N, C-alpha and C. Protein backbone atom coordinates (compact mmCIF):
# COMPACT_ATOMS: atom_id res chain seq x y z
N MET A 1 93.48 137.04 151.09
CA MET A 1 94.59 136.83 152.78
C MET A 1 95.48 137.96 151.99
N ASP A 2 95.34 138.75 153.23
CA ASP A 2 97.32 139.17 151.74
C ASP A 2 98.41 138.79 152.89
N TRP A 3 99.37 139.13 152.50
CA TRP A 3 100.78 138.63 152.81
C TRP A 3 100.97 139.00 155.00
N VAL A 4 99.92 139.41 155.27
CA VAL A 4 100.35 139.89 156.85
C VAL A 4 100.07 138.72 157.28
N GLU A 5 98.78 138.43 156.80
CA GLU A 5 97.91 137.02 156.92
C GLU A 5 98.67 135.62 157.49
N GLN A 6 99.53 135.97 155.91
CA GLN A 6 99.89 134.21 155.84
C GLN A 6 100.97 134.42 156.27
N SER A 7 101.61 135.01 156.76
CA SER A 7 103.04 135.34 157.07
C SER A 7 103.22 135.52 158.53
N GLY A 8 101.77 135.84 159.61
CA GLY A 8 102.01 135.90 160.53
C GLY A 8 102.53 137.57 161.42
N LYS A 9 103.75 137.81 160.82
CA LYS A 9 103.96 139.15 161.46
C LYS A 9 104.62 139.85 159.72
N PRO A 10 104.18 141.44 159.91
CA PRO A 10 104.46 142.53 158.54
C PRO A 10 106.03 142.10 157.73
N ASP A 11 107.69 142.00 159.12
CA ASP A 11 108.51 141.91 158.24
C ASP A 11 108.94 140.58 158.77
N GLU A 12 108.23 139.50 158.72
CA GLU A 12 108.71 138.05 157.76
C GLU A 12 108.07 137.65 156.92
N PHE A 13 109.92 137.47 155.72
CA PHE A 13 108.75 137.06 154.71
C PHE A 13 109.41 134.70 154.05
N THR A 14 107.82 134.54 153.77
CA THR A 14 107.93 133.12 154.16
C THR A 14 107.39 132.82 152.37
N PRO A 15 108.54 132.47 151.91
CA PRO A 15 107.59 132.26 150.90
C PRO A 15 106.69 130.90 150.55
N LEU A 16 106.67 130.91 149.90
CA LEU A 16 105.65 129.50 150.20
C LEU A 16 106.39 129.00 147.77
N GLN A 17 106.61 127.42 148.79
CA GLN A 17 107.23 126.11 147.96
C GLN A 17 105.97 126.01 146.64
N VAL A 18 106.36 126.64 145.70
CA VAL A 18 105.51 126.51 144.69
C VAL A 18 105.66 125.53 143.01
N VAL A 19 106.67 124.83 143.10
CA VAL A 19 107.37 123.87 142.46
C VAL A 19 108.57 122.95 143.23
N SER A 20 109.04 121.95 142.79
CA SER A 20 110.37 121.21 143.29
C SER A 20 111.87 122.15 142.56
N PRO A 21 112.79 121.69 143.63
CA PRO A 21 113.72 122.54 143.09
C PRO A 21 113.97 121.97 141.66
N PHE A 22 115.11 122.50 140.81
CA PHE A 22 115.97 121.75 139.95
C PHE A 22 116.73 121.51 139.92
N PRO A 23 117.61 120.22 139.68
CA PRO A 23 119.35 119.68 140.03
C PRO A 23 119.85 120.26 140.10
N VAL A 24 120.37 120.55 140.96
CA VAL A 24 122.26 121.36 140.46
C VAL A 24 122.32 121.26 139.50
N ILE A 25 123.36 121.60 138.30
CA ILE A 25 124.73 121.60 137.20
C ILE A 25 126.21 122.02 137.59
N GLN A 26 127.08 121.85 138.52
CA GLN A 26 127.99 122.12 138.37
C GLN A 26 129.26 121.54 138.01
N GLU A 27 129.61 122.02 137.17
CA GLU A 27 131.05 122.23 136.97
C GLU A 27 130.20 120.63 135.60
N PRO A 28 130.10 121.19 134.89
CA PRO A 28 129.35 119.99 133.92
C PRO A 28 130.93 120.07 132.81
N GLU A 29 130.24 118.75 132.01
CA GLU A 29 131.20 117.86 131.03
C GLU A 29 131.14 118.73 130.39
N THR A 30 133.27 119.20 129.59
CA THR A 30 132.34 119.86 129.07
C THR A 30 133.61 118.61 127.73
N ILE A 31 133.01 119.58 126.50
CA ILE A 31 133.57 119.12 125.18
C ILE A 31 134.84 119.99 123.84
N PRO A 32 136.00 120.09 123.94
CA PRO A 32 136.32 121.53 122.43
C PRO A 32 136.04 121.22 121.60
N GLY A 33 135.74 122.11 121.28
CA GLY A 33 134.90 121.98 119.93
C GLY A 33 135.83 121.67 119.13
N LYS A 34 136.02 121.60 118.62
CA LYS A 34 136.40 120.63 116.83
C LYS A 34 136.46 118.70 117.41
N GLU A 35 136.14 118.96 118.78
CA GLU A 35 136.17 117.60 118.80
C GLU A 35 134.24 117.34 118.97
N VAL A 36 132.75 118.65 119.01
CA VAL A 36 131.60 118.48 118.72
C VAL A 36 131.94 118.04 117.43
N LYS A 37 130.16 116.94 117.62
CA LYS A 37 129.83 116.36 116.41
C LYS A 37 128.52 116.51 116.39
N GLU A 38 127.91 115.40 117.72
CA GLU A 38 126.53 115.68 116.79
C GLU A 38 126.23 115.86 117.98
N GLN A 39 126.65 115.93 119.10
CA GLN A 39 126.49 117.16 120.75
C GLN A 39 125.78 117.88 120.31
N VAL A 40 125.76 118.49 118.66
CA VAL A 40 125.67 120.40 118.92
C VAL A 40 125.09 120.40 117.22
N LEU A 41 124.05 121.28 116.70
CA LEU A 41 124.29 120.93 114.84
C LEU A 41 124.32 122.39 115.40
N GLU A 42 124.75 122.27 113.62
CA GLU A 42 125.57 123.83 113.18
C GLU A 42 124.62 125.53 113.57
N SER A 43 122.59 124.37 113.41
CA SER A 43 121.34 125.67 112.56
C SER A 43 121.28 126.18 114.29
N GLU A 44 122.09 125.02 115.87
CA GLU A 44 121.07 125.50 117.38
C GLU A 44 122.46 126.91 117.75
N LEU A 45 120.85 127.25 118.58
CA LEU A 45 122.00 128.88 119.28
C LEU A 45 122.12 128.46 120.38
N VAL A 46 123.93 128.70 120.90
CA VAL A 46 124.63 128.51 122.57
C VAL A 46 125.11 130.45 123.32
N LEU A 47 124.64 130.43 124.09
CA LEU A 47 125.12 131.69 124.74
C LEU A 47 127.23 130.84 125.12
N GLY A 48 127.37 131.77 124.02
CA GLY A 48 128.70 131.92 124.40
C GLY A 48 129.20 133.64 125.11
N VAL A 49 130.12 132.40 126.57
CA VAL A 49 130.52 133.41 127.75
C VAL A 49 132.75 132.93 126.76
N VAL A 50 133.28 134.01 127.51
CA VAL A 50 135.22 134.35 127.52
C VAL A 50 134.92 134.80 129.11
N VAL A 51 135.97 134.36 129.19
CA VAL A 51 136.71 135.05 130.53
C VAL A 51 138.21 135.11 129.83
N GLY A 52 138.54 135.77 129.99
CA GLY A 52 140.02 135.88 130.62
C GLY A 52 140.27 134.83 128.85
N GLU A 53 141.09 134.43 128.58
CA GLU A 53 141.53 133.01 127.18
C GLU A 53 140.35 132.04 127.46
N GLU A 54 139.65 132.06 128.26
CA GLU A 54 138.76 131.10 127.97
C GLU A 54 137.28 131.77 127.58
N ALA A 55 136.92 130.29 126.49
CA ALA A 55 135.37 130.43 126.38
C ALA A 55 135.58 128.99 126.45
N ARG A 56 133.43 129.96 126.39
CA ARG A 56 132.57 128.12 126.31
C ARG A 56 132.09 129.03 125.75
N ALA A 57 130.73 127.70 125.12
CA ALA A 57 129.64 127.57 124.57
C ALA A 57 128.44 126.88 125.07
N TYR A 58 127.58 127.19 125.67
CA TYR A 58 126.62 126.61 126.07
C TYR A 58 125.20 126.80 125.30
N PRO A 59 125.13 124.96 124.85
CA PRO A 59 123.99 125.26 123.68
C PRO A 59 122.34 125.55 124.40
N ILE A 60 121.75 126.85 123.87
CA ILE A 60 121.02 127.16 124.31
C ILE A 60 119.52 126.09 125.21
N ASN A 61 119.22 124.83 124.27
CA ASN A 61 118.60 124.02 124.80
C ASN A 61 118.48 123.57 126.09
N MET A 62 119.90 123.19 126.87
CA MET A 62 120.27 123.25 128.26
C MET A 62 119.83 123.61 128.78
N LEU A 63 119.23 125.08 128.78
CA LEU A 63 118.92 125.98 129.27
C LEU A 63 118.01 126.62 130.16
N THR A 64 116.84 125.83 128.91
CA THR A 64 115.42 125.54 128.93
C THR A 64 114.58 124.76 129.45
N GLY A 65 113.83 124.45 129.54
CA GLY A 65 112.97 123.65 129.77
C GLY A 65 112.62 123.60 131.53
N PRO A 66 112.07 122.07 131.08
CA PRO A 66 111.50 122.58 133.00
C PRO A 66 112.52 121.83 133.93
N SER A 67 112.96 121.59 133.69
CA SER A 67 114.17 121.18 134.69
C SER A 67 116.26 121.92 134.68
N ARG A 68 115.55 122.65 133.81
CA ARG A 68 117.22 123.26 133.46
C ARG A 68 116.80 125.19 132.87
N GLU A 69 118.05 125.28 134.39
CA GLU A 69 118.06 126.90 134.03
C GLU A 69 119.22 127.82 134.08
N ILE A 70 119.93 127.13 135.54
CA ILE A 70 121.41 127.58 135.59
C ILE A 70 122.08 127.00 135.36
N ILE A 71 123.85 127.27 134.40
CA ILE A 71 124.54 126.05 134.68
C ILE A 71 126.34 126.51 135.66
N ASN A 72 125.63 126.18 136.85
CA ASN A 72 127.35 126.95 137.25
C ASN A 72 127.84 126.08 136.96
N ASP A 73 129.73 127.08 136.85
CA ASP A 73 129.85 126.48 136.09
C ASP A 73 131.74 127.27 136.33
N SER A 74 133.19 126.86 135.74
CA SER A 74 134.39 128.03 135.94
C SER A 74 134.84 127.91 134.92
N LEU A 75 134.88 129.07 134.85
CA LEU A 75 135.68 129.51 133.73
C LEU A 75 137.23 130.96 133.75
N GLY A 76 137.90 130.86 133.05
CA GLY A 76 138.83 131.69 133.57
C GLY A 76 140.04 131.46 134.98
N GLY A 77 139.52 130.83 135.56
CA GLY A 77 139.61 130.86 136.91
C GLY A 77 138.22 132.09 137.54
N GLN A 78 137.57 132.11 137.00
CA GLN A 78 136.57 132.26 138.02
C GLN A 78 135.32 131.33 137.91
N TRP A 79 133.58 131.96 138.86
CA TRP A 79 132.61 130.80 139.20
C TRP A 79 131.84 131.77 138.54
N ILE A 80 131.21 131.49 137.31
CA ILE A 80 130.33 131.95 136.63
C ILE A 80 128.78 131.17 136.96
N ALA A 81 127.71 131.90 136.42
CA ALA A 81 126.68 131.01 135.98
C ALA A 81 125.56 131.44 135.42
N ALA A 82 125.68 130.22 134.02
CA ALA A 82 125.13 130.59 132.96
C ALA A 82 123.54 130.32 132.75
N THR A 83 123.07 131.44 132.27
CA THR A 83 121.29 130.68 132.69
C THR A 83 120.54 132.06 131.36
N TRP A 84 119.83 131.25 131.02
CA TRP A 84 118.63 131.80 129.16
C TRP A 84 117.61 132.49 130.36
C-alpha cells in the first residue's frame, strides 16, 4: 500500500503512531556540582551545556533508553532541549 492509499489524499499527512509518547521532562531537579555524590560517577559521560553565565551537565544515561530522549530545561534565561 503506498502513501496515497494510506492517507486518502496526496496532500494530507497522517502519520501512524508506532510507540506511546514518552513522558515529558521539563525543568528537571538539579544539584549543584559540589553537592553531587553518588548520583553521577566520575567515569560517567555527561552532556555539558553553557548558556551565558550558567552551566549544566546532563548524564547521558538520563538521555538514553526506552523512556528518555529529551530534557526540556531553562538555562541562562533561555529555554533549551538537551538530547542525545
